[in-house]
Amino acid sequence: MDIVLIKTFLNVLASESFVGAADRMFVTQSAISVRIQKLEETLGQRLFERSKSGVVLTSDGAKFEPYARSSLQLWDEALYQVSLRDGIDGSLSLACEDTLWPELCSRWLGELSETLPTTAFNFQIGTPQSMSNMLLRGVLDIAVMYNPEIRQGFRVEHIIDDRLILVSSEDGKGDVLGDDYVYTNWGPEFAMAHSRWFPEAKPPQLMMQVGASAAKFLMEHRRSTFLPYRMADDYVARGQLHVVKDSPSFPFPAYAVWTEKARTELREAALSKLRHSAKNAPWIEIEH
């Protein structure tokens, strides 16, 4: 498959027009049209419906989209692998959720780079869904996340314990039934625990799924929500957030997820160092 055609397809999809894709790729609109036509002829299916207002995916185009993204990701990974500098004899692709980076995974990556000096590391922040898809496609070796998907071929190991605590930007406030409460989506287990503990709670005005950005939002808009303890502790210690007294906390463990596609010795070395980093991750005790 011509990678240029794949990139063209994804740029048309992102911009919702051939004109926008042409601007993104610094080519003419006619060149974009020719590429899409060639791709459609190769697949034997129409990928876009054209109109004066732009383009939309056909049902076949929607089916093709995840494979196009996978192909581009594999291509980028291949370019990365073949361009490694001399002296590097292996590589690992790692990822974690943004809320797990500061106190756990940054420590893990730092120790790994010292322990495996001839190994190249490609580290990124991702969502559980995106990391699971990358694991399935073989472009990610190990992911660290709170709510792992259970899929065929996945190995899952409990790495660290956390808990979700209710915090507010204003001391003495933070009632789940109050107007300042924001429901942050921390996964299905939290949703079930939340509904059991607060059966009378109605859907709040604001619901969000923004990861580590949640703390900043609370402080800027005088709101309250449940945050992972390991995210909230520094803010609480600095007096920027306050734990809501007599509020419940909910278990929120984090896990390592991997497949068997990575080189065994590198994967096991990385997992061993992750366990060590988790064991020694900082934990600031705060009153609850």
Protein backbone atom coordinates (compact mmCIF):
# COMPACT_ATOMS: atom_id res chain seq x y z
CA MET A 1 0.00 0.00 0.00
CA ASP A 2 1.32 3.45 -0.98
CA ILE A 3 1.87 5.34 2.28
CA VAL A 4 1.28 8.67 0.50
CA LEU A 5 -2.25 7.52 -0.36
CA ILE A 6 -2.82 6.60 3.28
CA LYS A 7 -1.64 10.02 4.46
CA THR A 8 -3.83 11.70 1.85
CA PHE A 9 -6.88 9.75 3.00
CA LEU A 10 -6.29 10.73 6.64
CA ASN A 11 -5.70 14.39 5.76
CA VAL A 12 -8.93 14.53 3.75
CA LEU A 13 -10.71 12.94 6.70
CA ALA A 14 -9.22 15.40 9.18
CA SER A 15 -9.97 18.50 7.11
CA GLU A 16 -13.28 17.21 5.69
CA SER A 17 -12.39 18.58 2.27
CA PHE A 18 -9.97 18.08 -0.61
CA VAL A 19 -9.03 21.76 -0.42
CA GLY A 20 -8.09 21.47 3.24
CA ALA A 21 -6.05 18.33 2.59
CA ALA A 22 -4.23 20.09 -0.25
CA ASP A 23 -3.28 22.94 2.10
CA ARG A 24 -2.07 20.47 4.72
CA MET A 25 0.06 18.50 2.27
CA PHE A 26 1.26 21.46 0.16
CA VAL A 27 -0.04 20.05 -3.11
CA THR A 28 -2.84 20.98 -5.49
CA GLN A 29 -6.45 19.97 -5.01
CA SER A 30 -6.29 17.96 -8.23
CA ALA A 31 -3.37 15.95 -6.82
CA ILE A 32 -5.48 15.09 -3.79
CA SER A 33 -8.36 14.02 -6.03
CA VAL A 34 -6.09 11.79 -8.12
CA ARG A 35 -4.65 10.12 -5.00
CA ILE A 36 -8.06 9.43 -3.47
CA GLN A 37 -9.32 8.08 -6.78
CA LYS A 38 -6.31 5.76 -7.00
CA LEU A 39 -6.87 4.56 -3.44
CA GLU A 40 -10.54 3.90 -4.11
CA GLU A 41 -9.67 1.98 -7.27
CA THR A 42 -7.14 -0.11 -5.34
CA LEU A 43 -9.70 -0.95 -2.65
CA GLY A 44 -12.59 -1.28 -5.06
CA GLN A 45 -14.78 0.87 -2.82
CA ARG A 46 -15.82 4.49 -2.62
CA LEU A 47 -14.35 6.09 0.52
CA PHE A 48 -15.88 9.58 0.48
CA GLU A 49 -19.14 11.16 -0.54
CA ARG A 50 -18.42 14.49 -2.24
CA SER A 51 -20.54 17.62 -2.05
CA LYS A 52 -20.12 21.38 -2.40
CA SER A 53 -19.78 21.69 1.38
CA GLY A 54 -17.02 19.08 1.64
CA VAL A 55 -16.70 15.33 2.03
CA VAL A 56 -17.93 12.69 4.47
CA LEU A 57 -16.86 9.10 4.94
CA THR A 58 -18.89 6.35 3.34
CA SER A 59 -19.56 3.21 5.34
CA ASP A 60 -16.62 1.57 3.55
CA GLY A 61 -14.47 4.59 4.33
CA ALA A 62 -15.34 4.23 8.01
CA LYS A 63 -14.30 0.57 7.89
CA PHE A 64 -11.03 1.52 6.25
CA GLU A 65 -10.12 4.33 8.69
CA PRO A 66 -8.69 2.23 11.60
CA TYR A 67 -6.58 0.20 9.15
CA ALA A 68 -5.27 3.40 7.58
CA ARG A 69 -4.23 4.73 10.97
CA SER A 70 -2.61 1.40 11.86
CA SER A 71 -0.68 1.35 8.57
CA LEU A 72 0.64 4.86 9.14
CA GLN A 73 1.62 4.06 12.71
CA LEU A 74 3.45 0.92 11.61
CA TRP A 75 5.23 2.90 8.92
CA ASP A 76 6.36 5.53 11.43
CA GLU A 77 7.56 2.77 13.76
CA ALA A 78 9.51 1.16 10.90
CA LEU A 79 11.20 4.48 10.06
CA TYR A 80 12.11 4.89 13.71
CA GLN A 81 13.58 1.40 13.98
CA VAL A 82 15.77 1.59 10.87
CA SER A 83 17.12 5.05 11.75
CA LEU A 84 18.46 4.19 15.20
CA ARG A 85 22.03 5.36 15.77
CA ASP A 86 25.00 3.03 15.96
CA GLY A 87 25.45 1.33 19.32
CA ILE A 88 21.72 0.79 19.85
CA ASP A 89 20.89 -2.91 19.73
CA GLY A 90 17.22 -2.87 20.71
CA SER A 91 14.19 -0.69 21.30
CA LEU A 92 11.05 -0.53 23.41
CA SER A 93 7.88 1.43 22.81
CA LEU A 94 6.23 2.42 26.11
CA ALA A 95 3.21 4.49 27.16
CA CYS A 96 1.15 5.53 30.15
CA GLU A 97 -1.82 7.67 31.08
CA ASP A 98 -0.96 11.30 31.77
CA THR A 99 -1.97 11.01 35.43
CA LEU A 100 0.61 8.24 35.92
CA TRP A 101 3.53 10.13 34.38
CA PRO A 102 4.75 12.52 37.07
CA GLU A 103 5.24 10.22 40.05
CA LEU A 104 5.62 6.79 38.45
CA CYS A 105 6.43 6.58 34.77
CA SER A 106 8.88 9.48 34.59
CA ARG A 107 10.88 7.71 37.31
CA TRP A 108 10.51 4.42 35.42
CA LEU A 109 11.78 5.86 32.13
CA GLY A 110 14.71 7.59 33.81
CA GLU A 111 15.84 4.40 35.53
CA LEU A 112 15.33 2.36 32.37
CA SER A 113 17.50 4.62 30.25
CA GLU A 114 20.33 4.21 32.76
CA THR A 115 19.85 0.45 33.16
CA LEU A 116 19.63 -0.27 29.40
CA PRO A 117 22.04 2.22 27.79
CA THR A 118 22.06 0.43 24.41
CA THR A 119 18.25 0.35 24.15
CA ALA A 120 16.23 3.07 22.44
CA PHE A 121 12.95 4.12 24.09
CA ASN A 122 9.92 5.62 22.42
CA PHE A 123 7.67 6.88 25.24
CA GLN A 124 4.31 8.58 24.89
CA ILE A 125 1.21 9.60 26.81
CA GLY A 126 -2.03 7.97 25.70
CA THR A 127 -5.60 7.08 26.59
CA PRO A 128 -6.47 3.51 27.63
CA GLN A 129 -8.26 2.92 24.33
CA SER A 130 -5.45 4.24 22.15
CA MET A 131 -2.83 2.28 24.10
CA SER A 132 -4.88 -0.93 23.85
CA ASN A 133 -5.18 -0.48 20.09
CA MET A 134 -1.45 0.11 19.76
CA LEU A 135 -0.71 -3.02 21.79
CA LEU A 136 -2.96 -5.03 19.48
CA ARG A 137 -1.20 -3.65 16.42
CA GLY A 138 2.21 -4.50 17.82
CA VAL A 139 3.51 -0.92 17.87
CA LEU A 140 3.53 -0.67 21.68
CA ASP A 141 5.37 -3.03 24.03
CA ILE A 142 4.13 -2.02 27.50
CA ALA A 143 1.37 0.32 28.64
CA VAL A 144 0.61 1.51 32.17
CA MET A 145 -3.01 2.46 32.83
CA TYR A 146 -5.79 2.50 35.38
CA ASN A 147 -8.56 0.71 33.53
CA PRO A 148 -7.06 -1.89 31.19
CA GLU A 149 -9.17 -3.61 28.58
CA ILE A 150 -9.18 -7.38 28.82
CA ARG A 151 -8.43 -8.64 25.33
CA GLN A 152 -7.07 -11.84 23.87
CA GLY A 153 -3.28 -11.84 23.96
CA PHE A 154 -3.01 -9.18 26.67
CA ARG A 155 -1.01 -9.84 29.82
CA VAL A 156 -2.07 -7.69 32.77
CA GLU A 157 -0.23 -7.17 36.05
CA HIS A 158 -1.22 -5.05 39.03
CA ILE A 159 1.50 -2.45 39.52
CA ILE A 160 0.44 0.14 42.04
CA ASP A 161 -2.48 1.02 44.31
CA ASP A 162 -4.16 4.38 44.19
CA ARG A 163 -7.55 5.66 45.24
CA LEU A 164 -9.95 8.33 44.06
CA ILE A 165 -10.59 11.07 46.60
CA LEU A 166 -12.99 13.99 46.53
CA VAL A 167 -11.15 17.31 46.40
CA SER A 168 -12.30 20.91 46.07
CA SER A 169 -10.60 24.16 45.18
CA GLU A 170 -12.26 25.78 48.21
CA ASP A 171 -11.82 24.52 51.73
CA GLY A 172 -15.05 23.41 53.34
CA LYS A 173 -16.87 22.87 50.05
CA GLY A 174 -17.26 19.96 47.65
CA ASP A 175 -20.65 18.33 48.14
CA VAL A 176 -21.37 15.78 45.39
CA LEU A 177 -24.95 17.04 45.42
CA GLY A 178 -23.82 20.67 45.13
CA ASP A 179 -23.61 22.95 42.11
CA ASP A 180 -19.81 23.04 42.15
CA TYR A 181 -19.40 19.28 41.65
CA VAL A 182 -17.96 17.94 38.38
CA TYR A 183 -18.32 14.28 37.51
CA THR A 184 -15.00 13.06 36.12
CA ASN A 185 -15.18 9.79 34.22
CA TRP A 186 -12.67 7.40 35.76
CA GLY A 187 -14.11 4.26 34.22
CA PRO A 188 -16.98 1.82 34.75
CA GLU A 189 -15.93 0.59 38.21
CA PHE A 190 -15.85 4.15 39.53
CA ALA A 191 -19.23 4.84 37.91
CA MET A 192 -20.79 1.86 39.68
CA ALA A 193 -19.23 2.74 43.05
CA HIS A 194 -20.27 6.37 42.66
CA SER A 195 -23.90 5.45 41.93
CA ARG A 196 -24.01 3.04 44.89
CA TRP A 197 -22.58 5.61 47.29
CA PHE A 198 -24.63 8.53 45.96
CA PRO A 199 -27.90 6.96 44.74
CA GLU A 200 -29.74 10.28 45.07
CA ALA A 201 -27.24 12.20 42.91
CA LYS A 202 -28.58 13.57 39.63
CA PRO A 203 -26.34 14.02 36.55
CA PRO A 204 -24.28 17.16 37.29
CA GLN A 205 -24.02 20.15 34.99
CA LEU A 206 -20.47 19.21 34.04
CA MET A 207 -19.06 15.79 33.17
CA MET A 208 -15.54 15.45 31.81
CA GLN A 209 -12.73 13.08 30.95
CA VAL A 210 -9.59 15.18 30.80
CA GLY A 211 -7.01 13.29 32.87
CA ALA A 212 -4.34 15.38 34.55
CA SER A 213 -5.88 18.63 33.31
CA ALA A 214 -8.75 18.19 35.77
CA ALA A 215 -6.82 19.69 38.69
CA LYS A 216 -6.13 22.92 36.84
CA PHE A 217 -9.79 23.18 35.86
CA LEU A 218 -10.89 22.84 39.49
CA MET A 219 -8.57 25.60 40.62
CA GLU A 220 -9.52 27.99 37.83
CA HIS A 221 -13.29 27.51 38.14
CA ARG A 222 -13.75 26.76 41.87
CA ARG A 223 -15.05 23.25 41.39
CA SER A 224 -14.77 19.85 43.05
CA THR A 225 -14.35 16.32 41.71
CA PHE A 226 -12.79 12.94 42.43
CA LEU A 227 -9.09 12.75 41.53
CA PRO A 228 -6.48 10.02 41.92
CA TYR A 229 -4.67 10.47 45.22
CA ARG A 230 -1.31 10.48 43.46
CA MET A 231 -2.42 13.37 41.27
CA ALA A 232 -4.07 15.37 44.03
CA ASP A 233 -1.49 15.00 46.82
CA ASP A 234 0.93 17.67 45.61
CA TYR A 235 -1.89 20.20 45.10
CA VAL A 236 -3.27 19.43 48.55
CA ALA A 237 0.16 19.76 50.14
CA ARG A 238 0.52 23.22 48.53
CA GLY A 239 -2.97 24.27 49.67
CA GLN A 240 -4.27 24.62 46.11
CA LEU A 241 -6.82 21.83 46.57
CA HIS A 242 -8.56 20.57 49.69
CA VAL A 243 -9.76 17.09 50.57
CA VAL A 244 -13.49 17.08 51.30
CA LYS A 245 -13.83 15.77 54.85
CA ASP A 246 -15.94 12.68 55.54
CA SER A 247 -16.17 11.88 51.85
CA PRO A 248 -15.66 8.34 50.52
CA SER A 249 -12.62 7.21 48.58
CA PHE A 250 -12.64 4.50 45.93
CA PRO A 251 -9.91 1.98 45.02
CA PHE A 252 -8.13 2.90 41.78
CA PRO A 253 -5.26 0.48 41.02
CA ALA A 254 -2.95 0.87 38.03
CA TYR A 255 -1.75 -1.97 35.82
CA ALA A 256 0.96 -2.84 33.34
CA VAL A 257 -0.34 -4.31 30.09
CA TRP A 258 1.76 -6.00 27.43
CA THR A 259 1.76 -8.65 24.74
CA GLU A 260 4.39 -11.22 23.84
CA LYS A 261 5.58 -9.34 20.74
CA ALA A 262 8.46 -7.48 22.39
CA ARG A 263 11.84 -9.15 22.84
CA THR A 264 11.49 -11.17 26.04
CA GLU A 265 14.69 -10.02 27.73
CA LEU A 266 13.94 -6.32 27.11
CA ARG A 267 10.32 -6.64 28.14
CA GLU A 268 11.20 -8.45 31.36
CA ALA A 269 13.90 -5.90 32.19
CA ALA A 270 11.42 -3.07 31.65
CA LEU A 271 8.75 -4.74 33.76
CA SER A 272 11.22 -5.44 36.55
CA LYS A 273 12.25 -1.78 36.62
CA LEU A 274 8.58 -0.70 36.56
CA ARG A 275 7.87 -2.84 39.63
CA HIS A 276 10.86 -1.26 41.35
CA SER A 277 9.73 2.26 40.42
CA ALA A 278 6.20 1.53 41.66
CA LYS A 279 7.52 0.22 44.97
CA ASN A 280 9.53 3.39 45.51
CA ALA A 281 7.08 5.92 44.06
CA PRO A 282 6.54 8.90 46.40
CA TRP A 283 3.38 8.97 48.48
CA ILE A 284 2.57 12.11 50.44
CA GLU A 285 0.17 11.35 53.28
CA ILE A 286 -2.67 13.84 53.44
CA GLU A 287 -5.47 14.08 55.97
CA HIS A 288 -8.72 12.57 54.73
